[in-house]
Amino acid sequence: MQTKKPIWVLRIARIQDKKVLFSLFAGLALLVPYLPLALQRSAWSDDYPMLFRSSSAKHLSDMRPLGGLINTVMFGFVDDIDDLRFLRLVGVIGIAVFAGLLAQLAQSWGMRPIYSALVAISVGLLPPFHAAVGWATVYKLAWIPILGGLAGLVFLRGWFENRRRLIAFGFLGTVVTFLFYPPATLWSWGLLGIRTAMRPTSVRRMLRESGLLAALLAGSALVALTIALVVNQILDVQTDSRVLLVSTLSGAITKISWFARFPIGVAARPFLVSSPTDLQAILTAGPVLAVTVTGLYLRQKGSALNRVAATILLLAYLCLTMGMHLVVIESQIEYRYMVGITVTMWVYLLIAAHQLLKVVLDRLSSRHRSTKEAVVPVWLITMLMVVVILGAVRNTRTNIDQVFVEPFKSKETYLNQELERFDLEMHHRIVVLNDQSLWPSTRNLGIYSTVSDLAHPWVAVPNIRLLLIEQGLEAADVQVDVITSEDESEPSDLVVDLRPYAERLRSLVHPSKLRQACWPEC
């Protein structure tokens, strides 16, 4: 008589059979380096004003009404600096889900489960995701690409399987993503590119899929734009100039030149947040691009012409992941805008490197007159990926600690010492003496060049108000102003002089790491 197995045993067997455990492992593994950093007491840059006023007007002017709405709701649950850790926790969970879903998709496209987990973990450690761990304001950073990418894949599947419900879901999901954050919608190009790189198909099929995805994005963008314009008209909000489109030939040429030189160059330097010179960019990004293009070419099937065409289309998918920045006037290198292009380039590189390694082993096997097809040893790939991940973890923790955590501790100590002298009976006002030119920045890209967020003019006043509230004082009763000269202060003012602190930070940064010129020009 056969014994009936418990339900939980059957469920575990089912999970193992579906290989979901590797996807779960990919997501959970990222919690190990990220959670200790995200749960520490800290705040950074826009977090401070966001605790006092809604950012919905800014989101509306950027044509992101749903982004403004969800931010207003989420920050409504946050009262002080300590509460910001919960938003960062949401951001970290988003990174884990992003990695887990990517691992699951990679398995469905033919990647070994162990490889899919290791690739997904390495993806979750790429520089674009660091911000969500230390900056509560961008807690949605990983969540929105998930929605946009899956919506695009669902639409394509529905179209080819003639399933109208999937088509409708894909279209609706894409519209919603545009209303949250338009650049993140284009992650669908990245997923299409990764899938095609893993499962090569005909050029005709690639053209058809890319045409359908382009039509989806164009149609949903038009609907989202109409909705955003109607909302702005009702609420009397003006559109920000940075979302205006390139409208001249010279502007288009300049934009293409900028894109080819900077975003692609940055994406081809995975895990490196430093801002290189032109020579350094060529020496580091050049070989990565060469390996990627060669490996992708060798992976394609058919004639040389078909291989070239397929490789060009794969590179086009890569560029289109950052397509919003190809069509708008503003040119800015910031990692949080580059999730799609950075992740896609990294996965392309891994696929291409694996293909090149396989070709080399095939050549060696043929020299020994072996008829068996060469197989890249699983242990070798696993070992190499573990080394990459361990190095990435070290760099990730160092970057987050240097940009977000340690500067917060140092700044808060300094401001609290300055505020110890404040007396409501003696002082009628607090004035912050600041000189923006004194604040140092390092030779890193985007926000990762920031040594202290006090260099941002919108930080000092709300930061001081929050510290006063924590000391039990009513911040509304205290006037806090920023001045640039001691002559602007009065005898009854408490002067919080930030200049000595800025000078001290400058002295702590090694001269070789101080930013002299900006590459890219951002």
Protein backbone atom coordinates (compact mmCIF):
# COMPACT_ATOMS: atom_id res chain seq x y z
CA MET A 1 0.00 0.00 0.00
CA GLN A 2 1.47 3.32 -1.14
CA THR A 3 1.85 6.00 1.53
CA LYS A 4 0.37 9.35 0.63
CA LYS A 5 2.99 12.08 0.70
CA PRO A 6 2.29 15.29 2.65
CA ILE A 7 1.27 18.32 0.60
CA TRP A 8 4.36 20.29 1.63
CA VAL A 9 6.62 17.49 0.30
CA LEU A 10 4.83 17.55 -3.03
CA ARG A 11 5.12 21.32 -3.19
CA ILE A 12 8.87 21.24 -2.53
CA ALA A 13 9.30 18.56 -5.19
CA ARG A 14 7.29 20.68 -7.60
CA ILE A 15 9.43 23.74 -6.91
CA GLN A 16 12.61 21.74 -7.46
CA ASP A 17 11.22 20.26 -10.63
CA LYS A 18 10.44 23.73 -11.95
CA LYS A 19 13.92 24.94 -10.94
CA VAL A 20 12.36 27.98 -9.29
CA LEU A 21 14.75 27.59 -6.39
CA PHE A 22 17.59 29.04 -8.47
CA SER A 23 15.50 32.12 -9.23
CA LEU A 24 14.59 32.49 -5.56
CA PHE A 25 18.24 32.10 -4.62
CA ALA A 26 19.25 34.86 -7.06
CA GLY A 27 16.86 37.31 -5.44
CA LEU A 28 17.54 36.33 -1.84
CA ALA A 29 21.32 36.38 -2.32
CA LEU A 30 21.19 40.10 -3.13
CA LEU A 31 19.60 40.82 0.24
CA VAL A 32 22.85 39.81 1.96
CA PRO A 33 24.98 42.76 0.77
CA TYR A 34 22.13 45.25 0.40
CA LEU A 35 19.94 44.95 3.51
CA PRO A 36 22.58 45.93 6.12
CA LEU A 37 23.27 49.13 4.17
CA ALA A 38 19.64 49.97 3.37
CA LEU A 39 18.44 49.54 6.96
CA GLN A 40 20.99 51.91 8.47
CA ARG A 41 19.85 55.38 9.49
CA SER A 42 20.56 57.68 6.55
CA ALA A 43 19.06 60.13 4.08
CA TRP A 44 20.40 61.62 0.88
CA SER A 45 19.73 64.68 -1.27
CA ASP A 46 16.08 64.81 -2.40
CA ASP A 47 15.01 62.71 0.58
CA TYR A 48 15.13 65.82 2.80
CA PRO A 49 12.75 68.13 0.93
CA MET A 50 10.52 65.14 0.13
CA LEU A 51 9.86 64.73 3.86
CA PHE A 52 8.35 68.23 3.96
CA ARG A 53 6.59 68.64 0.65
CA SER A 54 5.23 66.51 -2.15
CA SER A 55 7.18 66.11 -5.37
CA SER A 56 4.00 65.64 -7.40
CA ALA A 57 4.40 68.99 -9.20
CA LYS A 58 7.85 67.95 -10.44
CA HIS A 59 6.55 64.59 -11.61
CA LEU A 60 3.64 66.25 -13.38
CA SER A 61 5.92 68.68 -15.20
CA ASP A 62 8.01 65.66 -16.28
CA MET A 63 4.85 64.00 -17.67
CA ARG A 64 4.81 61.33 -14.93
CA PRO A 65 1.48 61.72 -13.11
CA LEU A 66 1.37 58.17 -11.72
CA GLY A 67 4.92 58.54 -10.46
CA GLY A 68 3.90 61.68 -8.58
CA LEU A 69 0.81 60.00 -7.16
CA ILE A 70 2.63 56.93 -5.83
CA ASN A 71 5.41 59.09 -4.37
CA THR A 72 2.87 61.24 -2.54
CA VAL A 73 1.25 58.11 -1.11
CA MET A 74 4.50 56.40 -0.12
CA PHE A 75 6.09 59.47 1.47
CA GLY A 76 2.83 60.02 3.33
CA PHE A 77 3.83 57.06 5.50
CA VAL A 78 7.28 58.53 6.20
CA ASP A 79 7.69 61.06 9.03
CA ASP A 80 11.40 61.30 9.69
CA ILE A 81 14.87 60.17 8.65
CA ASP A 82 14.54 56.82 10.42
CA ASP A 83 11.40 55.98 8.44
CA LEU A 84 13.26 56.35 5.13
CA ARG A 85 14.76 52.91 5.66
CA PHE A 86 11.36 51.39 4.86
CA LEU A 87 11.35 53.01 1.41
CA ARG A 88 14.89 51.79 0.81
CA LEU A 89 13.71 48.33 1.87
CA VAL A 90 11.05 48.53 -0.86
CA GLY A 91 13.83 49.45 -3.28
CA VAL A 92 16.02 46.51 -2.23
CA ILE A 93 13.11 44.08 -2.55
CA GLY A 94 12.56 45.49 -6.04
CA ILE A 95 16.17 44.69 -6.96
CA ALA A 96 15.74 41.15 -5.63
CA VAL A 97 12.52 40.65 -7.61
CA PHE A 98 14.19 42.08 -10.74
CA ALA A 99 17.04 39.56 -10.42
CA GLY A 100 14.74 36.65 -9.62
CA LEU A 101 12.51 37.33 -12.62
CA LEU A 102 15.52 37.74 -14.90
CA ALA A 103 16.85 34.36 -13.72
CA GLN A 104 13.47 32.74 -14.36
CA LEU A 105 13.24 34.25 -17.84
CA ALA A 106 16.81 33.20 -18.65
CA GLN A 107 15.94 29.61 -17.69
CA SER A 108 12.88 29.67 -19.92
CA TRP A 109 15.12 30.84 -22.78
CA GLY A 110 17.51 27.92 -22.38
CA MET A 111 20.11 29.00 -19.81
CA ARG A 112 21.26 26.49 -17.21
CA PRO A 113 19.58 27.18 -13.83
CA ILE A 114 22.91 27.65 -12.04
CA TYR A 115 24.08 30.08 -14.74
CA SER A 116 20.81 31.99 -14.62
CA ALA A 117 21.15 32.50 -10.86
CA LEU A 118 24.76 33.67 -11.09
CA VAL A 119 24.04 36.01 -14.01
CA ALA A 120 21.02 37.48 -12.21
CA ILE A 121 23.01 38.07 -9.01
CA SER A 122 25.75 39.84 -10.96
CA VAL A 123 23.12 41.96 -12.71
CA GLY A 124 21.65 43.01 -9.36
CA LEU A 125 25.07 44.31 -8.31
CA LEU A 126 25.51 46.63 -11.30
CA PRO A 127 25.95 50.37 -10.48
CA PRO A 128 22.43 51.53 -11.50
CA PHE A 129 20.93 49.60 -8.59
CA HIS A 130 23.21 51.07 -5.91
CA ALA A 131 21.13 54.24 -5.73
CA ALA A 132 17.99 52.44 -4.54
CA VAL A 133 19.93 51.08 -1.56
CA GLY A 134 21.09 54.46 -0.27
CA TRP A 135 18.56 56.93 -1.70
CA ALA A 136 14.96 56.47 -0.58
CA THR A 137 13.59 58.80 -3.28
CA VAL A 138 14.40 56.28 -6.04
CA TYR A 139 12.85 53.24 -4.32
CA LYS A 140 10.91 52.52 -7.55
CA LEU A 141 14.12 52.17 -9.58
CA ALA A 142 13.88 48.40 -10.13
CA TRP A 143 10.10 48.01 -9.92
CA ILE A 144 9.13 50.10 -12.94
CA PRO A 145 11.44 48.33 -15.44
CA ILE A 146 9.93 45.04 -14.25
CA LEU A 147 6.48 46.26 -15.27
CA GLY A 148 7.65 47.79 -18.55
CA GLY A 149 9.77 44.82 -19.60
CA LEU A 150 7.16 42.19 -18.81
CA ALA A 151 4.44 44.24 -20.51
CA GLY A 152 6.44 44.26 -23.74
CA LEU A 153 7.04 40.50 -23.65
CA VAL A 154 3.39 39.80 -22.82
CA PHE A 155 2.29 41.93 -25.77
CA LEU A 156 4.59 40.09 -28.20
CA ARG A 157 3.48 36.72 -26.91
CA GLY A 158 -0.16 37.70 -27.21
CA TRP A 159 0.37 38.92 -30.77
CA PHE A 160 2.10 35.78 -32.03
CA GLU A 161 -0.30 33.47 -30.19
CA ASN A 162 -3.31 35.55 -31.23
CA ARG A 163 -4.43 36.06 -27.63
CA ARG A 164 -6.23 39.37 -27.36
CA ARG A 165 -6.24 39.42 -23.58
CA LEU A 166 -2.45 39.28 -23.46
CA ILE A 167 -2.25 42.02 -26.10
CA ALA A 168 -4.55 44.21 -24.01
CA PHE A 169 -2.59 43.53 -20.80
CA GLY A 170 0.69 44.29 -22.56
CA PHE A 171 -0.61 47.56 -23.98
CA LEU A 172 -2.16 48.66 -20.67
CA GLY A 173 1.00 47.76 -18.73
CA THR A 174 3.14 49.77 -21.14
CA VAL A 175 0.88 52.83 -20.86
CA VAL A 176 0.98 52.61 -17.06
CA THR A 177 4.78 52.33 -17.11
CA PHE A 178 5.05 55.43 -19.30
CA LEU A 179 2.94 57.32 -16.76
CA PHE A 180 5.27 56.16 -13.98
CA TYR A 181 8.67 56.72 -15.61
CA PRO A 182 9.04 56.71 -19.43
CA PRO A 183 12.74 55.66 -19.66
CA ALA A 184 12.05 52.48 -17.67
CA THR A 185 9.45 51.38 -20.22
CA LEU A 186 12.19 50.73 -22.74
CA TRP A 187 13.62 47.84 -20.72
CA SER A 188 11.38 45.74 -22.98
CA TRP A 189 14.01 46.28 -25.71
CA GLY A 190 16.63 44.87 -23.35
CA LEU A 191 14.61 41.73 -22.61
CA LEU A 192 13.92 41.24 -26.32
CA GLY A 193 17.63 41.60 -27.05
CA ILE A 194 18.70 39.18 -24.30
CA ARG A 195 16.14 36.61 -25.39
CA THR A 196 17.23 36.86 -29.02
CA ALA A 197 20.92 36.68 -28.09
CA MET A 198 20.25 33.50 -26.13
CA ARG A 199 17.90 31.98 -28.70
CA PRO A 200 19.07 33.19 -32.13
CA THR A 201 16.31 33.48 -34.69
CA SER A 202 15.94 34.65 -38.28
CA VAL A 203 16.48 38.27 -39.24
CA ARG A 204 12.93 38.36 -40.58
CA ARG A 205 11.57 37.30 -37.20
CA MET A 206 13.75 39.88 -35.46
CA LEU A 207 12.48 42.62 -37.75
CA ARG A 208 8.89 41.59 -37.14
CA GLU A 209 9.31 41.50 -33.36
CA SER A 210 11.12 44.82 -33.27
CA GLY A 211 8.47 46.40 -35.49
CA LEU A 212 5.68 45.17 -33.23
CA LEU A 213 7.48 46.36 -30.09
CA ALA A 214 8.15 49.75 -31.68
CA ALA A 215 4.46 50.04 -32.60
CA LEU A 216 3.47 49.10 -29.04
CA LEU A 217 5.79 51.69 -27.52
CA ALA A 218 4.77 54.41 -29.97
CA GLY A 219 1.05 53.79 -29.49
CA SER A 220 1.22 53.53 -25.70
CA ALA A 221 3.50 56.59 -25.52
CA LEU A 222 0.92 58.59 -27.47
CA VAL A 223 -1.86 57.49 -25.12
CA ALA A 224 0.27 58.20 -22.03
CA LEU A 225 1.31 61.60 -23.38
CA THR A 226 -2.33 62.52 -24.00
CA ILE A 227 -3.30 61.50 -20.47
CA ALA A 228 -0.38 63.44 -18.95
CA LEU A 229 -1.19 66.57 -20.98
CA VAL A 230 -4.85 66.44 -19.94
CA VAL A 231 -3.87 66.04 -16.28
CA ASN A 232 -1.42 68.96 -16.54
CA GLN A 233 -4.04 71.10 -18.25
CA ILE A 234 -6.56 70.41 -15.49
CA LEU A 235 -4.02 71.08 -12.72
CA ASP A 236 -2.42 74.02 -14.58
CA VAL A 237 1.11 72.55 -14.61
CA GLN A 238 3.71 73.59 -17.19
CA THR A 239 5.81 70.95 -18.96
CA ASP A 240 9.49 70.97 -17.97
CA SER A 241 11.89 71.95 -20.75
CA ARG A 242 14.03 68.87 -20.20
CA VAL A 243 11.33 66.59 -21.63
CA LEU A 244 11.05 68.56 -24.85
CA LEU A 245 12.01 66.63 -27.98
CA VAL A 246 14.97 67.21 -30.29
CA SER A 247 13.50 69.12 -33.25
CA THR A 248 16.47 70.21 -35.39
CA LEU A 249 18.94 68.34 -37.60
CA SER A 250 21.94 69.79 -35.77
CA GLY A 251 20.39 68.78 -32.46
CA ALA A 252 19.86 65.24 -33.74
CA ILE A 253 23.48 64.96 -34.95
CA THR A 254 24.78 66.26 -31.62
CA LYS A 255 22.56 63.84 -29.73
CA ILE A 256 23.69 60.80 -31.76
CA SER A 257 27.33 61.78 -31.30
CA TRP A 258 26.83 62.17 -27.55
CA PHE A 259 25.03 58.83 -27.31
CA ALA A 260 27.68 56.90 -29.22
CA ARG A 261 30.46 58.41 -27.15
CA PHE A 262 29.05 58.35 -23.63
CA PRO A 263 26.10 56.04 -22.74
CA ILE A 264 27.47 53.11 -24.74
CA GLY A 265 30.96 53.74 -23.37
CA VAL A 266 29.67 53.80 -19.79
CA ALA A 267 27.60 50.64 -20.28
CA ALA A 268 30.65 48.86 -21.72
CA ARG A 269 32.54 49.43 -18.44
CA PRO A 270 30.44 47.23 -16.11
CA PHE A 271 30.91 47.73 -12.36
CA LEU A 272 33.21 50.73 -12.93
CA VAL A 273 31.73 53.97 -11.59
CA SER A 274 34.83 56.08 -12.19
CA SER A 275 34.76 58.76 -14.87
CA PRO A 276 37.57 57.89 -17.31
CA THR A 277 39.62 59.99 -19.66
CA ASP A 278 39.05 59.40 -23.36
CA LEU A 279 42.08 57.11 -23.50
CA GLN A 280 40.93 55.12 -20.46
CA ALA A 281 37.47 54.78 -21.98
CA ILE A 282 38.93 53.39 -25.21
CA LEU A 283 41.23 50.97 -23.39
CA THR A 284 38.47 49.62 -21.11
CA ALA A 285 35.24 49.90 -23.08
CA GLY A 286 36.87 49.11 -26.44
CA PRO A 287 37.82 45.48 -25.66
CA VAL A 288 34.42 44.86 -24.04
CA LEU A 289 32.62 46.08 -27.15
CA ALA A 290 34.93 44.03 -29.38
CA VAL A 291 34.30 40.82 -27.40
CA THR A 292 30.56 41.50 -27.29
CA VAL A 293 30.16 42.16 -31.01
CA THR A 294 32.37 39.22 -32.01
CA GLY A 295 30.67 36.76 -29.67
CA LEU A 296 27.17 37.84 -30.69
CA TYR A 297 28.14 37.54 -34.36
CA LEU A 298 29.50 34.01 -33.90
CA ARG A 299 26.37 32.99 -32.04
CA GLN A 300 24.09 33.84 -34.96
CA LYS A 301 23.18 31.34 -37.67
CA GLY A 302 23.08 31.47 -41.44
CA SER A 303 25.19 33.38 -43.94
CA ALA A 304 27.70 36.06 -43.01
CA LEU A 305 25.22 38.71 -44.17
CA ASN A 306 22.48 37.32 -41.93
CA ARG A 307 24.88 37.22 -39.00
CA VAL A 308 25.91 40.82 -39.54
CA ALA A 309 22.27 41.94 -39.83
CA ALA A 310 21.26 40.03 -36.69
CA THR A 311 24.19 41.48 -34.72
CA ILE A 312 23.32 45.00 -35.84
CA LEU A 313 19.73 44.48 -34.71
CA LEU A 314 20.91 43.22 -31.31
CA LEU A 315 23.04 46.34 -30.91
CA ALA A 316 20.06 48.45 -31.98
CA TYR A 317 17.99 46.85 -29.19
CA LEU A 318 20.79 47.79 -26.79
CA CYS A 319 20.69 51.44 -27.87
CA LEU A 320 16.90 51.59 -27.79
CA THR A 321 16.86 50.67 -24.09
CA MET A 322 17.93 54.29 -23.59
CA GLY A 323 15.85 55.57 -26.48
CA MET A 324 14.11 58.28 -24.43
CA HIS A 325 17.44 60.06 -24.06
CA LEU A 326 17.94 59.89 -27.81
CA VAL A 327 14.84 61.95 -28.50
CA VAL A 328 14.77 64.51 -25.66
CA ILE A 329 16.89 67.66 -25.53
CA GLU A 330 18.59 66.96 -22.21
CA SER A 331 21.82 64.95 -22.34
CA GLN A 332 22.80 63.62 -18.95
CA ILE A 333 24.74 60.58 -17.82
CA GLU A 334 23.13 59.23 -14.67
CA TYR A 335 23.11 55.56 -13.75
CA ARG A 336 19.49 55.57 -12.64
CA TYR A 337 18.55 56.38 -16.25
CA MET A 338 20.70 53.52 -17.53
CA VAL A 339 19.27 50.35 -15.99
CA GLY A 340 18.27 48.94 -19.38
CA ILE A 341 21.43 49.67 -21.34
CA THR A 342 23.78 48.62 -18.52
CA VAL A 343 22.03 45.32 -17.77
CA THR A 344 21.64 44.45 -21.45
CA MET A 345 25.30 45.18 -22.22
CA TRP A 346 26.47 43.05 -19.29
CA VAL A 347 24.31 40.06 -20.24
CA TYR A 348 25.34 40.46 -23.90
CA LEU A 349 28.97 40.38 -22.78
CA LEU A 350 28.47 37.19 -20.75
CA ILE A 351 26.67 35.47 -23.63
CA ALA A 352 29.34 36.58 -26.09
CA ALA A 353 32.23 35.53 -23.82
CA HIS A 354 30.65 32.10 -23.36
CA GLN A 355 30.31 31.74 -27.13
CA LEU A 356 33.94 32.74 -27.73
CA LEU A 357 35.10 30.29 -25.07
CA LYS A 358 33.09 27.56 -26.76
CA VAL A 359 34.65 28.40 -30.14
CA VAL A 360 38.15 28.21 -28.65
CA LEU A 361 37.41 24.82 -27.09
CA ASP A 362 35.97 23.62 -30.41
CA ARG A 363 39.19 24.60 -32.17
CA LEU A 364 41.30 22.81 -29.56
CA SER A 365 39.07 19.75 -29.80
CA SER A 366 39.36 19.66 -33.60
CA ARG A 367 43.15 19.73 -33.34
CA HIS A 368 42.95 16.52 -31.36
CA ARG A 369 40.65 15.13 -34.07
CA SER A 370 37.77 14.73 -31.68
CA THR A 371 34.31 14.43 -33.24
CA LYS A 372 32.52 15.50 -30.07
CA GLU A 373 31.23 19.05 -29.76
CA ALA A 374 33.18 20.96 -27.14
CA VAL A 375 31.28 21.85 -23.99
CA VAL A 376 32.36 24.66 -21.69
CA PRO A 377 32.85 23.09 -18.24
CA VAL A 378 30.14 24.11 -15.80
CA TRP A 379 32.68 24.36 -12.98
CA LEU A 380 34.76 26.85 -14.96
CA ILE A 381 31.86 29.22 -15.67
CA THR A 382 30.62 28.88 -12.10
CA MET A 383 34.04 29.66 -10.66
CA LEU A 384 34.53 32.69 -12.92
CA MET A 385 31.08 34.07 -12.10
CA VAL A 386 31.63 33.59 -8.36
CA VAL A 387 34.87 35.58 -8.62
CA VAL A 388 33.04 38.34 -10.54
CA ILE A 389 30.22 38.42 -7.98
CA LEU A 390 32.57 38.59 -4.99
CA GLY A 391 34.45 41.47 -6.59
CA ALA A 392 31.17 43.19 -7.45
CA VAL A 393 29.91 42.81 -3.86
CA ARG A 394 33.06 44.48 -2.56
CA ASN A 395 32.78 47.37 -5.03
CA THR A 396 29.05 47.71 -4.40
CA ARG A 397 29.36 47.97 -0.63
CA THR A 398 32.27 50.40 -0.96
CA ASN A 399 30.38 52.66 -3.37
CA ILE A 400 27.16 52.75 -1.34
CA ASP A 401 29.08 53.30 1.89
CA GLN A 402 31.20 56.12 0.43
CA VAL A 403 28.34 57.94 -1.30
CA PHE A 404 25.39 57.48 1.05
CA VAL A 405 26.12 55.97 4.48
CA GLU A 406 29.40 57.41 5.77
CA PRO A 407 28.78 60.97 4.44
CA PHE A 408 25.44 60.97 6.25
CA LYS A 409 27.03 59.99 9.57
CA SER A 410 29.79 62.57 9.22
CA LYS A 411 27.39 65.35 8.18
CA GLU A 412 24.87 64.61 10.93
CA THR A 413 27.61 64.67 13.58
CA TYR A 414 28.82 68.06 12.35
CA LEU A 415 25.34 69.62 12.14
CA ASN A 416 24.32 68.33 15.57
CA GLN A 417 27.46 69.84 17.07
CA GLU A 418 26.63 73.17 15.44
CA LEU A 419 23.01 73.05 16.62
CA GLU A 420 24.01 72.39 20.24
CA ARG A 421 24.57 76.15 20.51
CA PHE A 422 20.99 76.94 19.47
CA ASP A 423 18.80 78.57 22.13
CA LEU A 424 15.23 79.65 21.35
CA GLU A 425 15.52 82.56 23.79
CA MET A 426 18.79 83.85 22.38
CA HIS A 427 18.45 83.07 18.67
CA HIS A 428 15.62 84.25 16.47
CA ARG A 429 16.92 82.61 13.32
CA ILE A 430 19.35 79.98 12.05
CA VAL A 431 21.43 81.00 9.06
CA VAL A 432 23.43 78.48 7.05
CA LEU A 433 26.64 79.96 5.70
CA ASN A 434 27.46 78.03 2.56
CA ASP A 435 29.76 78.39 -0.44
CA GLN A 436 28.84 75.95 -3.21
CA SER A 437 32.24 76.30 -4.88
CA LEU A 438 34.01 74.74 -1.89
CA TRP A 439 32.33 71.35 -2.03
CA PRO A 440 34.54 68.67 -3.58
CA SER A 441 33.41 65.97 -5.97
CA THR A 442 35.22 62.84 -7.07
CA ARG A 443 35.96 61.51 -10.53
CA ASN A 444 32.97 59.23 -10.55
CA LEU A 445 29.93 59.26 -12.79
CA GLY A 446 26.67 61.01 -11.93
CA ILE A 447 25.57 61.09 -8.30
CA TYR A 448 28.41 58.76 -7.34
CA SER A 449 30.78 61.73 -7.63
CA THR A 450 29.09 63.43 -4.66
CA VAL A 451 31.21 63.68 -1.51
CA SER A 452 28.44 65.32 0.56
CA ASP A 453 24.86 66.09 -0.37
CA LEU A 454 25.24 69.46 1.39
CA ALA A 455 26.68 70.47 -1.98
CA HIS A 456 23.07 70.35 -3.20
CA PRO A 457 21.44 73.71 -2.35
CA TRP A 458 18.10 72.14 -1.44
CA VAL A 459 19.50 69.93 1.36
CA ALA A 460 20.77 72.14 4.21
CA VAL A 461 17.51 73.82 5.31
CA PRO A 462 15.25 70.71 5.51
CA ASN A 463 18.15 68.72 6.99
CA ILE A 464 18.50 71.21 9.85
CA ARG A 465 14.73 71.36 10.37
CA LEU A 466 14.58 67.57 10.71
CA LEU A 467 17.37 67.59 13.28
CA LEU A 468 15.57 70.32 15.25
CA ILE A 469 12.39 68.25 15.24
CA GLU A 470 14.33 65.26 16.57
CA GLN A 471 15.59 67.51 19.40
CA GLY A 472 11.98 68.22 20.34
CA LEU A 473 11.74 71.70 18.81
CA GLU A 474 8.93 72.84 16.56
CA ALA A 475 10.65 73.41 13.23
CA ALA A 476 7.84 75.69 12.08
CA ASP A 477 8.76 78.17 14.83
CA VAL A 478 12.37 78.43 13.69
CA GLN A 479 13.36 80.43 10.64
CA VAL A 480 16.19 78.81 8.68
CA ASP A 481 17.86 80.69 5.82
CA VAL A 482 20.92 80.18 3.64
CA ILE A 483 23.44 83.00 3.25
CA THR A 484 26.71 83.29 1.32
CA SER A 485 28.42 85.97 3.44
CA GLU A 486 28.76 86.62 7.16
CA ASP A 487 27.67 90.21 6.52
CA GLU A 488 24.14 88.91 5.90
CA SER A 489 23.83 87.56 9.44
CA GLU A 490 22.53 89.41 12.50
CA PRO A 491 23.63 89.27 16.17
CA SER A 492 20.53 87.28 17.10
CA ASP A 493 21.26 84.61 14.47
CA LEU A 494 22.84 81.24 15.06
CA VAL A 495 25.33 80.88 12.22
CA VAL A 496 25.88 77.31 11.01
CA ASP A 497 29.03 77.65 8.94
CA LEU A 498 29.40 74.80 6.44
CA ARG A 499 32.63 76.10 4.92
CA PRO A 500 35.02 74.48 7.43
CA TYR A 501 33.24 71.16 6.89
CA ALA A 502 33.52 71.48 3.11
CA GLU A 503 37.22 72.32 3.40
CA ARG A 504 37.77 69.34 5.69
CA LEU A 505 36.11 67.00 3.20
CA ARG A 506 38.22 68.40 0.39
CA SER A 507 41.38 67.70 2.39
CA LEU A 508 40.27 64.08 2.93
CA VAL A 509 39.82 63.36 -0.78
CA HIS A 510 43.02 62.32 -2.50
CA PRO A 511 44.00 64.92 -5.14
CA SER A 512 44.04 62.25 -7.85
CA LYS A 513 40.37 61.50 -7.13
CA LEU A 514 39.14 65.10 -7.18
CA ARG A 515 37.14 65.99 -10.26
CA GLN A 516 38.99 68.44 -12.48
CA ALA A 517 37.00 67.94 -15.66
CA CYS A 518 33.82 66.00 -16.30
CA TRP A 519 33.77 62.91 -18.51
CA PRO A 520 31.26 62.61 -19.80
CA GLU A 521 30.12 66.21 -19.81
CA CYS A 522 27.03 65.80 -17.69
